[in-house]
Structure formats: structure tokens, C-alpha cells
């Protein structure tokens, strides 16, 4: 019979819990970024919607996504008020323009070049 000290037992339990968390399905977009639920994504390709009478255009926002727990390639989101299933290879996270440096922005560099 083998007994572990309390410190060793808590270490063993913690390592088992992290192993279970690593087995969870991770949804990854076309650029390799990890997706989370309730994000807004952007389409990178024109997609014809099966069962719908419209075509989703490139750069269309997919709002309020939800992740399929059993399949890492599927997400659900809203386009034009309809809930559809999309493959993760056709979406990307939009750029957050508020975080960019204004001095490096193209519009600002053009203004400074022509203002001289």
C-alpha cells in the first residue's frame, strides 16, 4: 500500500484537471486565433447559404457566435438576422482599430506628407 502526502496528492489532482482541460475542443479561425463564444467575426469569402435565398458577402460581420462543443470546425452565428452554421476556415477576427497606433496609420501619414 502507498500513501501520498497531502502536498503530493494536491499536485496529482491538479495535473489530472489540467489534462482534462487540454482535451477540450478549441475553435481556431483562418488566421490561427482561438475563438470564444459571443464574439463577432468577419467572413473572408463569399458564401452561398444553403436553405437561404441570399449569398453572404465577404467582410460581412457574423454576430454573436456560438461554438459547437463536439466539432472544432463548426460555429453558429447570425448573418442578416438568420442563424447559420459556418466553418471556422471562412471566418477571422476583425481588426480592432482602436488599439492601433494613430501615428502609424496610413491616413495620418498621408496627411503629414501633404501638409508640408
PDB file of N, CA and C in Angstrom:
ATOM      1  N   UNK A   1       0.839  -1.162   0.000  1.00  0.00           N
ATOM      2  CA  UNK A   1       0.000   0.000   0.000  1.00  0.00           C
ATOM      3  C   UNK A   1       0.898   1.244   0.000  1.00  0.00           C
ATOM      4  N   UNK A   2       0.470   2.279  -0.734  1.00  0.00           N
ATOM      5  CA  UNK A   2       1.257   3.504  -0.865  1.00  0.00           C
ATOM      6  C   UNK A   2       0.401   4.683  -0.451  1.00  0.00           C
ATOM      7  N   UNK A   3       0.950   5.518   0.387  1.00  0.00           N
ATOM      8  CA  UNK A   3       0.257   6.720   0.830  1.00  0.00           C
ATOM      9  C   UNK A   3       1.038   7.938   0.364  1.00  0.00           C
ATOM     10  N   UNK A   4       0.313   8.943  -0.127  1.00  0.00           N
ATOM     11  CA  UNK A   4       0.935  10.189  -0.549  1.00  0.00           C
ATOM     12  C   UNK A   4       0.691  11.264   0.488  1.00  0.00           C
ATOM     13  N   UNK A   5       1.685  12.153   0.613  1.00  0.00           N
ATOM     14  CA  UNK A   5       1.478  13.302   1.484  1.00  0.00           C
ATOM     15  C   UNK A   5       0.417  14.199   0.861  1.00  0.00           C
ATOM     16  N   UNK A   6      -0.170  15.062   1.664  1.00  0.00           N
ATOM     17  CA  UNK A   6      -1.224  15.953   1.181  1.00  0.00           C
ATOM     18  C   UNK A   6      -0.730  16.846   0.053  1.00  0.00           C
ATOM     19  N   UNK A   7       0.521  17.329   0.130  1.00  0.00           N
ATOM     20  CA  UNK A   7       1.080  18.178  -0.918  1.00  0.00           C
ATOM     21  C   UNK A   7       1.176  17.432  -2.245  1.00  0.00           C
ATOM     22  N   UNK A   8       1.634  16.200  -2.190  1.00  0.00           N
ATOM     23  CA  UNK A   8       1.768  15.395  -3.409  1.00  0.00           C
ATOM     24  C   UNK A   8       0.395  15.057  -3.977  1.00  0.00           C
ATOM     25  N   UNK A   9      -0.562  14.789  -3.136  1.00  0.00           N
ATOM     26  CA  UNK A   9      -1.904  14.450  -3.593  1.00  0.00           C
ATOM     27  C   UNK A   9      -2.559  15.625  -4.304  1.00  0.00           C
ATOM     28  N   UNK A  10      -2.397  16.844  -3.778  1.00  0.00           N
ATOM     29  CA  UNK A  10      -2.979  18.011  -4.443  1.00  0.00           C
ATOM     30  C   UNK A  10      -2.294  18.263  -5.782  1.00  0.00           C
ATOM     31  N   UNK A  11      -0.987  17.979  -5.876  1.00  0.00           N
ATOM     32  CA  UNK A  11      -0.260  18.145  -7.139  1.00  0.00           C
ATOM     33  C   UNK A  11      -0.774  17.154  -8.184  1.00  0.00           C
ATOM     34  N   UNK A  12      -1.018  15.908  -7.782  1.00  0.00           N
ATOM     35  CA  UNK A  12      -1.528  14.885  -8.695  1.00  0.00           C
ATOM     36  C   UNK A  12      -2.927  15.262  -9.176  1.00  0.00           C
ATOM     37  N   UNK A  13      -3.780  15.728  -8.278  1.00  0.00           N
ATOM     38  CA  UNK A  13      -5.138  16.123  -8.653  1.00  0.00           C
ATOM     39  C   UNK A  13      -5.124  17.316  -9.602  1.00  0.00           C
ATOM     40  N   UNK A  14      -4.235  18.274  -9.369  1.00  0.00           N
ATOM     41  CA  UNK A  14      -4.154  19.453 -10.240  1.00  0.00           C
ATOM     42  C   UNK A  14      -3.687  19.061 -11.631  1.00  0.00           C
ATOM     43  N   UNK A  15      -2.737  18.152 -11.749  1.00  0.00           N
ATOM     44  CA  UNK A  15      -2.247  17.745 -13.064  1.00  0.00           C
ATOM     45  C   UNK A  15      -3.317  16.967 -13.829  1.00  0.00           C
ATOM     46  N   UNK A  16      -4.160  16.195 -13.142  1.00  0.00           N
ATOM     47  CA  UNK A  16      -5.252  15.496 -13.809  1.00  0.00           C
ATOM     48  C   UNK A  16      -6.286  16.481 -14.340  1.00  0.00           C
ATOM     49  N   UNK A  17      -6.579  17.542 -13.597  1.00  0.00           N
ATOM     50  CA  UNK A  17      -7.557  18.538 -14.028  1.00  0.00           C
ATOM     51  C   UNK A  17      -7.071  19.306 -15.238  1.00  0.00           C
ATOM     52  N   UNK A  18      -5.782  19.641 -15.316  1.00  0.00           N
ATOM     53  CA  UNK A  18      -5.269  20.357 -16.485  1.00  0.00           C
ATOM     54  C   UNK A  18      -5.254  19.461 -17.700  1.00  0.00           C
ATOM     55  N   UNK A  19      -5.044  18.167 -17.526  1.00  0.00           N
ATOM     56  CA  UNK A  19      -5.070  17.244 -18.660  1.00  0.00           C
ATOM     57  C   UNK A  19      -6.473  17.170 -19.245  1.00  0.00           C
ATOM     58  N   UNK A  20      -7.495  17.206 -18.403  1.00  0.00           N
ATOM     59  CA  UNK A  20      -8.863  17.193 -18.896  1.00  0.00           C
ATOM     60  C   UNK A  20      -9.201  18.493 -19.607  1.00  0.00           C
ATOM     61  N   UNK A  21      -8.696  19.605 -19.121  1.00  0.00           N
ATOM     62  CA  UNK A  21      -8.962  20.896 -19.749  1.00  0.00           C
ATOM     63  C   UNK A  21      -8.276  20.995 -21.111  1.00  0.00           C
ATOM     64  N   UNK A  22      -7.114  20.365 -21.283  1.00  0.00           N
ATOM     65  CA  UNK A  22      -6.415  20.397 -22.560  1.00  0.00           C
ATOM     66  C   UNK A  22      -7.140  19.582 -23.624  1.00  0.00           C
ATOM     67  N   UNK A  23      -7.956  18.613 -23.219  1.00  0.00           N
ATOM     68  CA  UNK A  23      -8.690  17.783 -24.165  1.00  0.00           C
ATOM     69  C   UNK A  23      -9.914  18.487 -24.743  1.00  0.00           C
ATOM     70  N   UNK A  24     -10.260  19.660 -24.238  1.00  0.00           N
ATOM     71  CA  UNK A  24     -11.436  20.381 -24.724  1.00  0.00           C
ATOM     72  C   UNK A  24     -11.223  20.814 -26.173  1.00  0.00           C
ATOM     73  N   UNK A  25     -12.313  20.908 -26.910  1.00  0.00           N
ATOM     74  CA  UNK A  25     -12.256  21.295 -28.324  1.00  0.00           C
ATOM     75  C   UNK A  25     -11.931  22.778 -28.423  1.00  0.00           C
ATOM     76  N   UNK A  26     -10.930  23.128 -29.256  1.00  0.00           N
ATOM     77  CA  UNK A  26     -10.560  24.523 -29.462  1.00  0.00           C
ATOM     78  C   UNK A  26     -10.953  24.919 -30.876  1.00  0.00           C
ATOM     79  N   UNK A  27     -11.674  26.010 -30.987  1.00  0.00           N
ATOM     80  CA  UNK A  27     -12.082  26.541 -32.283  1.00  0.00           C
ATOM     81  C   UNK A  27     -11.066  27.580 -32.711  1.00  0.00           C
ATOM     82  N   UNK A  28     -10.515  27.414 -33.917  1.00  0.00           N
ATOM     83  CA  UNK A  28      -9.469  28.294 -34.417  1.00  0.00           C
ATOM     84  C   UNK A  28      -9.902  28.871 -35.756  1.00  0.00           C
ATOM     85  N   UNK A  29      -9.745  30.193 -35.942  1.00  0.00           N
ATOM     86  CA  UNK A  29     -10.163  30.831 -37.195  1.00  0.00           C
ATOM     87  C   UNK A  29      -9.102  30.644 -38.280  1.00  0.00           C
ATOM     88  N   UNK A  30      -9.298  31.284 -39.414  1.00  0.00           N
ATOM     89  CA  UNK A  30      -8.414  31.095 -40.556  1.00  0.00           C
ATOM     90  C   UNK A  30      -7.004  31.625 -40.312  1.00  0.00           C
ATOM     91  N   UNK A  31      -6.841  32.553 -39.378  1.00  0.00           N
ATOM     92  CA  UNK A  31      -5.523  33.097 -39.068  1.00  0.00           C
ATOM     93  C   UNK A  31      -4.852  32.427 -37.879  1.00  0.00           C
ATOM     94  N   UNK A  32      -5.520  31.463 -37.269  1.00  0.00           N
ATOM     95  CA  UNK A  32      -4.938  30.749 -36.140  1.00  0.00           C
ATOM     96  C   UNK A  32      -5.302  31.302 -34.782  1.00  0.00           C
ATOM     97  N   UNK A  33      -6.188  32.262 -34.710  1.00  0.00           N
ATOM     98  CA  UNK A  33      -6.617  32.835 -33.432  1.00  0.00           C
ATOM     99  C   UNK A  33      -7.699  31.953 -32.816  1.00  0.00           C
ATOM    100  N   UNK A  34      -7.655  31.804 -31.510  1.00  0.00           N
ATOM    101  CA  UNK A  34      -8.637  30.988 -30.800  1.00  0.00           C
ATOM    102  C   UNK A  34      -9.934  31.779 -30.668  1.00  0.00           C
ATOM    103  N   UNK A  35     -11.061  31.143 -31.001  1.00  0.00           N
ATOM    104  CA  UNK A  35     -12.372  31.789 -30.954  1.00  0.00           C
ATOM    105  C   UNK A  35     -13.029  31.545 -29.603  1.00  0.00           C
ATOM    106  N   UNK A  36     -13.798  32.512 -29.167  1.00  0.00           N
ATOM    107  CA  UNK A  36     -14.595  32.357 -27.959  1.00  0.00           C
ATOM    108  C   UNK A  36     -16.050  32.673 -28.294  1.00  0.00           C
ATOM    109  N   UNK A  37     -16.944  32.177 -27.467  1.00  0.00           N
ATOM    110  CA  UNK A  37     -18.368  32.383 -27.703  1.00  0.00           C
ATOM    111  C   UNK A  37     -18.726  33.857 -27.560  1.00  0.00           C
ATOM    112  N   UNK A  38     -19.761  34.281 -28.265  1.00  0.00           N
ATOM    113  CA  UNK A  38     -20.328  35.627 -28.250  1.00  0.00           C
ATOM    114  C   UNK A  38     -19.427  36.668 -28.913  1.00  0.00           C
ATOM    115  N   UNK A  39     -18.427  36.231 -29.685  1.00  0.00           N
ATOM    116  CA  UNK A  39     -17.599  37.156 -30.455  1.00  0.00           C
ATOM    117  C   UNK A  39     -18.318  37.563 -31.725  1.00  0.00           C
ATOM    118  N   UNK A  40     -17.819  38.581 -32.379  1.00  0.00           N
ATOM    119  CA  UNK A  40     -18.258  38.951 -33.713  1.00  0.00           C
ATOM    120  C   UNK A  40     -17.105  38.673 -34.656  1.00  0.00           C
ATOM    121  N   UNK A  41     -17.364  37.907 -35.699  1.00  0.00           N
ATOM    122  CA  UNK A  41     -16.331  37.509 -36.650  1.00  0.00           C
ATOM    123  C   UNK A  41     -16.612  38.149 -38.002  1.00  0.00           C
ATOM    124  N   UNK A  42     -15.650  38.036 -38.917  1.00  0.00           N
ATOM    125  CA  UNK A  42     -15.774  38.574 -40.260  1.00  0.00           C
ATOM    126  C   UNK A  42     -15.562  37.457 -41.269  1.00  0.00           C
ATOM    127  N   UNK A  43     -16.403  37.404 -42.295  1.00  0.00           N
ATOM    128  CA  UNK A  43     -16.231  36.407 -43.359  1.00  0.00           C
ATOM    129  C   UNK A  43     -15.063  36.795 -44.253  1.00  0.00           C
ATOM    130  N   UNK A  44     -14.335  35.796 -44.750  1.00  0.00           N
ATOM    131  CA  UNK A  44     -13.216  36.080 -45.636  1.00  0.00           C
ATOM    132  C   UNK A  44     -13.492  35.609 -47.062  1.00  0.00           C
ATOM    133  N   UNK A  45     -14.702  35.121 -47.312  1.00  0.00           N
ATOM    134  CA  UNK A  45     -15.039  34.571 -48.616  1.00  0.00           C
ATOM    135  C   UNK A  45     -16.537  34.729 -48.857  1.00  0.00           C
ATOM    136  N   UNK A  46     -16.936  34.847 -50.112  1.00  0.00           N
ATOM    137  CA  UNK A  46     -18.360  34.845 -50.452  1.00  0.00           C
ATOM    138  C   UNK A  46     -18.901  33.440 -50.226  1.00  0.00           C
ATOM    139  N   UNK A  47     -20.011  33.331 -49.504  1.00  0.00           N
ATOM    140  CA  UNK A  47     -20.604  32.032 -49.189  1.00  0.00           C
ATOM    141  C   UNK A  47     -22.067  32.022 -49.581  1.00  0.00           C
ATOM    142  N   UNK A  48     -22.477  31.000 -50.333  1.00  0.00           N
ATOM    143  CA  UNK A  48     -23.902  30.846 -50.620  1.00  0.00           C
ATOM    144  C   UNK A  48     -24.514  30.055 -49.470  1.00  0.00           C
ATOM    145  N   UNK A  49     -25.588  30.569 -48.917  1.00  0.00           N
ATOM    146  CA  UNK A  49     -26.225  29.972 -47.751  1.00  0.00           C
ATOM    147  C   UNK A  49     -27.225  28.933 -48.219  1.00  0.00           C
ATOM    148  N   UNK A  50     -27.000  27.675 -47.837  1.00  0.00           N
ATOM    149  CA  UNK A  50     -27.920  26.610 -48.215  1.00  0.00           C
ATOM    150  C   UNK A  50     -29.202  26.750 -47.417  1.00  0.00           C
ATOM    151  N   UNK A  51     -30.324  26.644 -48.076  1.00  0.00           N
ATOM    152  CA  UNK A  51     -31.609  26.796 -47.424  1.00  0.00           C
ATOM    153  C   UNK A  51     -32.031  28.242 -47.274  1.00  0.00           C
ATOM    154  N   UNK A  52     -31.179  29.148 -47.660  1.00  0.00           N
ATOM    155  CA  UNK A  52     -31.496  30.574 -47.616  1.00  0.00           C
ATOM    156  C   UNK A  52     -31.451  31.128 -49.026  1.00  0.00           C
ATOM    157  N   UNK A  53     -32.051  32.254 -49.213  1.00  0.00           N
ATOM    158  CA  UNK A  53     -32.124  32.810 -50.565  1.00  0.00           C
ATOM    159  C   UNK A  53     -31.157  33.984 -50.728  1.00  0.00           C
ATOM    160  N   UNK A  54     -30.015  33.923 -50.035  1.00  0.00           N
ATOM    161  CA  UNK A  54     -29.065  35.020 -50.166  1.00  0.00           C
ATOM    162  C   UNK A  54     -27.643  34.476 -50.148  1.00  0.00           C
ATOM    163  N   UNK A  55     -26.730  35.327 -50.565  1.00  0.00           N
ATOM    164  CA  UNK A  55     -25.317  34.992 -50.539  1.00  0.00           C
ATOM    165  C   UNK A  55     -24.645  35.912 -49.522  1.00  0.00           C
ATOM    166  N   UNK A  56     -23.891  35.331 -48.603  1.00  0.00           N
ATOM    167  CA  UNK A  56     -23.169  36.114 -47.604  1.00  0.00           C
ATOM    168  C   UNK A  56     -21.901  36.652 -48.241  1.00  0.00           C
ATOM    169  N   UNK A  57     -21.770  37.961 -48.249  1.00  0.00           N
ATOM    170  CA  UNK A  57     -20.643  38.601 -48.908  1.00  0.00           C
ATOM    171  C   UNK A  57     -19.398  38.585 -48.018  1.00  0.00           C
ATOM    172  N   UNK A  58     -18.273  38.753 -48.671  1.00  0.00           N
ATOM    173  CA  UNK A  58     -17.001  38.864 -47.973  1.00  0.00           C
ATOM    174  C   UNK A  58     -17.020  40.101 -47.072  1.00  0.00           C
ATOM    175  N   UNK A  59     -16.382  40.049 -45.941  1.00  0.00           N
ATOM    176  CA  UNK A  59     -16.272  41.110 -44.945  1.00  0.00           C
ATOM    177  C   UNK A  59     -17.612  41.376 -44.245  1.00  0.00           C
ATOM    178  N   UNK A  60     -18.540  40.447 -44.310  1.00  0.00           N
ATOM    179  CA  UNK A  60     -19.795  40.558 -43.575  1.00  0.00           C
ATOM    180  C   UNK A  60     -19.547  40.136 -42.133  1.00  0.00           C
ATOM    181  N   UNK A  61     -20.132  40.831 -41.194  1.00  0.00           N
ATOM    182  CA  UNK A  61     -19.973  40.511 -39.774  1.00  0.00           C
ATOM    183  C   UNK A  61     -20.883  39.354 -39.399  1.00  0.00           C
ATOM    184  N   UNK A  62     -20.319  38.361 -38.747  1.00  0.00           N
ATOM    185  CA  UNK A  62     -21.077  37.244 -38.181  1.00  0.00           C
ATOM    186  C   UNK A  62     -21.186  37.537 -36.696  1.00  0.00           C
ATOM    187  N   UNK A  63     -22.390  37.840 -36.251  1.00  0.00           N
ATOM    188  CA  UNK A  63     -22.576  38.333 -34.893  1.00  0.00           C
ATOM    189  C   UNK A  63     -22.954  37.231 -33.931  1.00  0.00           C
ATOM    190  N   UNK A  64     -22.490  37.399 -32.696  1.00  0.00           N
ATOM    191  CA  UNK A  64     -22.920  36.570 -31.575  1.00  0.00           C
ATOM    192  C   UNK A  64     -22.711  35.081 -31.849  1.00  0.00           C
ATOM    193  N   UNK A  65     -21.472  34.679 -32.127  1.00  0.00           N
ATOM    194  CA  UNK A  65     -21.218  33.290 -32.479  1.00  0.00           C
ATOM    195  C   UNK A  65     -21.352  32.392 -31.258  1.00  0.00           C
ATOM    196  N   UNK A  66     -21.689  31.146 -31.530  1.00  0.00           N
ATOM    197  CA  UNK A  66     -21.659  30.117 -30.504  1.00  0.00           C
ATOM    198  C   UNK A  66     -20.860  28.949 -31.066  1.00  0.00           C
ATOM    199  N   UNK A  67     -20.139  28.260 -30.203  1.00  0.00           N
ATOM    200  CA  UNK A  67     -19.222  27.215 -30.619  1.00  0.00           C
ATOM    201  C   UNK A  67     -19.877  25.847 -30.471  1.00  0.00           C
ATOM    202  N   UNK A  68     -19.670  24.992 -31.466  1.00  0.00           N
ATOM    203  CA  UNK A  68     -20.178  23.628 -31.393  1.00  0.00           C
ATOM    204  C   UNK A  68     -19.247  22.823 -30.484  1.00  0.00           C
ATOM    205  N   UNK A  69     -19.758  22.240 -29.402  1.00  0.00           N
ATOM    206  CA  UNK A  69     -18.870  21.575 -28.447  1.00  0.00           C
ATOM    207  C   UNK A  69     -18.240  20.286 -28.977  1.00  0.00           C
ATOM    208  N   UNK A  70     -18.853  19.640 -29.945  1.00  0.00           N
ATOM    209  CA  UNK A  70     -18.324  18.363 -30.417  1.00  0.00           C
ATOM    210  C   UNK A  70     -17.491  18.482 -31.687  1.00  0.00           C
ATOM    211  N   UNK A  71     -17.556  19.616 -32.392  1.00  0.00           N
ATOM    212  CA  UNK A  71     -16.835  19.767 -33.653  1.00  0.00           C
ATOM    213  C   UNK A  71     -16.081  21.095 -33.652  1.00  0.00           C
ATOM    214  N   UNK A  72     -14.759  21.023 -33.801  1.00  0.00           N
ATOM    215  CA  UNK A  72     -13.922  22.227 -33.749  1.00  0.00           C
ATOM    216  C   UNK A  72     -14.012  23.057 -35.016  1.00  0.00           C
ATOM    217  N   UNK A  73     -14.609  22.531 -36.071  1.00  0.00           N
ATOM    218  CA  UNK A  73     -14.679  23.251 -37.340  1.00  0.00           C
ATOM    219  C   UNK A  73     -15.977  24.027 -37.534  1.00  0.00           C
ATOM    220  N   UNK A  74     -16.962  23.844 -36.675  1.00  0.00           N
ATOM    221  CA  UNK A  74     -18.267  24.488 -36.847  1.00  0.00           C
ATOM    222  C   UNK A  74     -18.501  25.558 -35.795  1.00  0.00           C
ATOM    223  N   UNK A  75     -19.047  26.690 -36.257  1.00  0.00           N
ATOM    224  CA  UNK A  75     -19.565  27.714 -35.362  1.00  0.00           C
ATOM    225  C   UNK A  75     -20.942  28.108 -35.872  1.00  0.00           C
ATOM    226  N   UNK A  76     -21.750  28.659 -35.006  1.00  0.00           N
ATOM    227  CA  UNK A  76     -23.056  29.173 -35.400  1.00  0.00           C
ATOM    228  C   UNK A  76     -23.063  30.668 -35.167  1.00  0.00           C
ATOM    229  N   UNK A  77     -23.668  31.401 -36.088  1.00  0.00           N
ATOM    230  CA  UNK A  77     -23.724  32.842 -35.956  1.00  0.00           C
ATOM    231  C   UNK A  77     -24.866  33.430 -36.750  1.00  0.00           C
ATOM    232  N   UNK A  78     -25.094  34.724 -36.599  1.00  0.00           N
ATOM    233  CA  UNK A  78     -26.177  35.425 -37.282  1.00  0.00           C
ATOM    234  C   UNK A  78     -25.621  36.279 -38.406  1.00  0.00           C
ATOM    235  N   UNK A  79     -26.213  36.094 -39.586  1.00  0.00           N
ATOM    236  CA  UNK A  79     -25.947  36.948 -40.737  1.00  0.00           C
ATOM    237  C   UNK A  79     -27.294  37.366 -41.290  1.00  0.00           C
ATOM    238  N   UNK A  80     -27.506  38.640 -41.434  1.00  0.00           N
ATOM    239  CA  UNK A  80     -28.764  39.202 -41.940  1.00  0.00           C
ATOM    240  C   UNK A  80     -29.966  38.696 -41.156  1.00  0.00           C
ATOM    241  N   UNK A  81     -29.810  38.512 -39.851  1.00  0.00           N
ATOM    242  CA  UNK A  81     -30.907  38.100 -38.994  1.00  0.00           C
ATOM    243  C   UNK A  81     -31.211  36.616 -39.013  1.00  0.00           C
ATOM    244  N   UNK A  82     -30.441  35.816 -39.755  1.00  0.00           N
ATOM    245  CA  UNK A  82     -30.662  34.366 -39.805  1.00  0.00           C
ATOM    246  C   UNK A  82     -29.509  33.638 -39.133  1.00  0.00           C
ATOM    247  N   UNK A  83     -29.844  32.622 -38.342  1.00  0.00           N
ATOM    248  CA  UNK A  83     -28.853  31.805 -37.659  1.00  0.00           C
ATOM    249  C   UNK A  83     -28.348  30.742 -38.626  1.00  0.00           C
ATOM    250  N   UNK A  84     -27.034  30.720 -38.897  1.00  0.00           N
ATOM    251  CA  UNK A  84     -26.463  29.742 -39.823  1.00  0.00           C
ATOM    252  C   UNK A  84     -25.233  29.100 -39.202  1.00  0.00           C
ATOM    253  N   UNK A  85     -24.833  27.952 -39.762  1.00  0.00           N
ATOM    254  CA  UNK A  85     -23.627  27.247 -39.344  1.00  0.00           C
ATOM    255  C   UNK A  85     -22.537  27.545 -40.360  1.00  0.00           C
ATOM    256  N   UNK A  86     -21.364  27.912 -39.870  1.00  0.00           N
ATOM    257  CA  UNK A  86     -20.250  28.303 -40.725  1.00  0.00           C
ATOM    258  C   UNK A  86     -19.023  27.510 -40.319  1.00  0.00           C
ATOM    259  N   UNK A  87     -18.186  27.168 -41.291  1.00  0.00           N
ATOM    260  CA  UNK A  87     -16.911  26.532 -40.993  1.00  0.00           C
ATOM    261  C   UNK A  87     -15.920  27.593 -40.514  1.00  0.00           C
ATOM    262  N   UNK A  88     -15.080  27.219 -39.565  1.00  0.00           N
ATOM    263  CA  UNK A  88     -14.140  28.180 -38.989  1.00  0.00           C
ATOM    264  C   UNK A  88     -13.083  28.628 -39.994  1.00  0.00           C
ATOM    265  N   UNK A  89     -12.864  27.899 -41.053  1.00  0.00           N
ATOM    266  CA  UNK A  89     -11.858  28.293 -42.039  1.00  0.00           C
ATOM    267  C   UNK A  89     -12.303  29.493 -42.873  1.00  0.00           C
ATOM    268  N   UNK A  90     -13.579  29.883 -42.805  1.00  0.00           N
ATOM    269  CA  UNK A  90     -14.091  31.004 -43.584  1.00  0.00           C
ATOM    270  C   UNK A  90     -14.302  32.276 -42.761  1.00  0.00           C
ATOM    271  N   UNK A  91     -13.861  32.291 -41.501  1.00  0.00           N
ATOM    272  CA  UNK A  91     -14.021  33.472 -40.660  1.00  0.00           C
ATOM    273  C   UNK A  91     -12.687  33.885 -40.062  1.00  0.00           C
ATOM    274  N   UNK A  92     -12.616  35.151 -39.668  1.00  0.00           N
ATOM    275  CA  UNK A  92     -11.446  35.655 -38.952  1.00  0.00           C
ATOM    276  C   UNK A  92     -11.908  36.704 -37.958  1.00  0.00           C
ATOM    277  N   UNK A  93     -11.077  36.945 -36.961  1.00  0.00           N
ATOM    278  CA  UNK A  93     -11.371  38.003 -36.009  1.00  0.00           C
ATOM    279  C   UNK A  93     -11.136  39.334 -36.700  1.00  0.00           C
ATOM    280  N   UNK A  94     -12.047  40.284 -36.530  1.00  0.00           N
ATOM    281  CA  UNK A  94     -11.832  41.592 -37.163  1.00  0.00           C
ATOM    282  C   UNK A  94     -10.724  42.359 -36.457  1.00  0.00           C
ATOM    283  N   UNK A  95     -10.091  43.241 -37.184  1.00  0.00           N
ATOM    284  CA  UNK A  95      -9.059  44.079 -36.586  1.00  0.00           C
ATOM    285  C   UNK A  95      -9.698  45.075 -35.642  1.00  0.00           C
ATOM    286  N   UNK A  96      -9.091  45.267 -34.518  1.00  0.00           N
ATOM    287  CA  UNK A  96      -9.578  46.254 -33.571  1.00  0.00           C
ATOM    288  C   UNK A  96      -8.809  47.544 -33.832  1.00  0.00           C
ATOM    289  N   UNK A  97      -9.405  48.443 -34.572  1.00  0.00           N
ATOM    290  CA  UNK A  97      -8.708  49.652 -34.994  1.00  0.00           C
ATOM    291  C   UNK A  97      -8.440  50.617 -33.849  1.00  0.00           C
ATOM    292  N   UNK A  98      -9.150  50.487 -32.776  1.00  0.00           N
ATOM    293  CA  UNK A  98      -8.926  51.389 -31.646  1.00  0.00           C
ATOM    294  C   UNK A  98      -7.590  51.114 -30.965  1.00  0.00           C
ATOM    295  N   UNK A  99      -7.051  49.928 -31.131  1.00  0.00           N
ATOM    296  CA  UNK A  99      -5.793  49.582 -30.485  1.00  0.00           C
ATOM    297  C   UNK A  99      -4.580  49.938 -31.332  1.00  0.00           C
ATOM    298  N   UNK A 100      -4.778  50.319 -32.578  1.00  0.00           N
ATOM    299  CA  UNK A 100      -3.625  50.624 -33.416  1.00  0.00           C
ATOM    300  C   UNK A 100      -3.044  51.980 -33.040  1.00  0.00           C
ATOM    301  N   UNK A 101      -1.797  52.162 -33.375  1.00  0.00           N
ATOM    302  CA  UNK A 101      -1.106  53.410 -33.096  1.00  0.00           C
ATOM    303  C   UNK A 101      -1.498  54.432 -34.154  1.00  0.00           C
ATOM    304  N   UNK A 102      -2.106  55.572 -33.785  1.00  0.00           N
ATOM    305  CA  UNK A 102      -2.566  56.541 -34.776  1.00  0.00           C
ATOM    306  C   UNK A 102      -1.438  57.123 -35.619  1.00  0.00           C
ATOM    307  N   UNK A 103      -0.241  57.188 -35.079  1.00  0.00           N
ATOM    308  CA  UNK A 103       0.869  57.753 -35.843  1.00  0.00           C
ATOM    309  C   UNK A 103       1.298  56.842 -36.981  1.00  0.00           C
ATOM    310  N   UNK A 104       0.995  55.547 -36.886  1.00  0.00           N
ATOM    311  CA  UNK A 104       1.377  54.603 -37.925  1.00  0.00           C
ATOM    312  C   UNK A 104       0.266  54.368 -38.932  1.00  0.00           C
ATOM    313  N   UNK A 105      -0.856  54.998 -38.758  1.00  0.00           N
ATOM    314  CA  UNK A 105      -1.996  54.819 -39.642  1.00  0.00           C
ATOM    315  C   UNK A 105      -1.718  55.460 -40.994  1.00  0.00           C
ATOM    316  N   UNK A 106      -2.195  54.851 -42.071  1.00  0.00           N
ATOM    317  CA  UNK A 106      -1.940  55.332 -43.427  1.00  0.00           C
ATOM    318  C   UNK A 106      -2.518  56.726 -43.644  1.00  0.00           C
ATOM    319  N   UNK A 107      -3.724  56.970 -43.158  1.00  0.00           N
ATOM    320  CA  UNK A 107      -4.355  58.278 -43.357  1.00  0.00           C
ATOM    321  C   UNK A 107      -3.540  59.398 -42.709  1.00  0.00           C
ATOM    322  N   UNK A 108      -3.011  59.135 -41.503  1.00  0.00           N
ATOM    323  CA  UNK A 108      -2.217  60.151 -40.819  1.00  0.00           C
ATOM    324  C   UNK A 108      -0.899  60.408 -41.543  1.00  0.00           C
ATOM    325  N   UNK A 109      -0.299  59.357 -42.098  1.00  0.00           N
ATOM    326  CA  UNK A 109       0.973  59.565 -42.800  1.00  0.00           C
ATOM    327  C   UNK A 109       0.742  60.347 -44.087  1.00  0.00           C
ATOM    328  N   UNK A 110      -0.387  60.131 -44.758  1.00  0.00           N
ATOM    329  CA  UNK A 110      -0.696  60.881 -45.967  1.00  0.00           C
ATOM    330  C   UNK A 110      -0.923  62.337 -45.627  1.00  0.00           C
ATOM    331  N   UNK A 111      -1.643  62.610 -44.554  1.00  0.00           N
ATOM    332  CA  UNK A 111      -1.900  63.994 -44.152  1.00  0.00           C
ATOM    333  C   UNK A 111      -0.603  64.730 -43.830  1.00  0.00           C
ATOM    334  N   UNK A 112       0.284  64.057 -43.102  1.00  0.00           N
ATOM    335  CA  UNK A 112       1.521  64.730 -42.744  1.00  0.00           C
ATOM    336  C   UNK A 112       2.416  64.947 -43.941  1.00  0.00           C
ATOM    337  N   UNK A 113       2.369  64.037 -44.927  1.00  0.00           N
ATOM    338  CA  UNK A 113       3.213  64.206 -46.110  1.00  0.00           C
ATOM    339  C   UNK A 113       2.726  65.368 -46.980  1.00  0.00           C
ATOM    340  N   UNK A 114       1.422  65.559 -47.088  1.00  0.00           N
ATOM    341  CA  UNK A 114       0.901  66.599 -47.942  1.00  0.00           C
ATOM    342  C   UNK A 114       0.758  67.942 -47.249  1.00  0.00           C
ATOM    343  N   UNK A 115       0.850  67.968 -45.940  1.00  0.00           N
ATOM    344  CA  UNK A 115       0.677  69.222 -45.234  1.00  0.00           C
ATOM    345  C   UNK A 115       1.935  70.082 -45.279  1.00  0.00           C
ATOM    346  N   UNK A 116       3.073  69.513 -45.661  1.00  0.00           N
ATOM    347  CA  UNK A 116       4.323  70.286 -45.725  1.00  0.00           C
ATOM    348  C   UNK A 116       4.378  71.218 -46.901  1.00  0.00           C
TER     349      UNK A 116
END
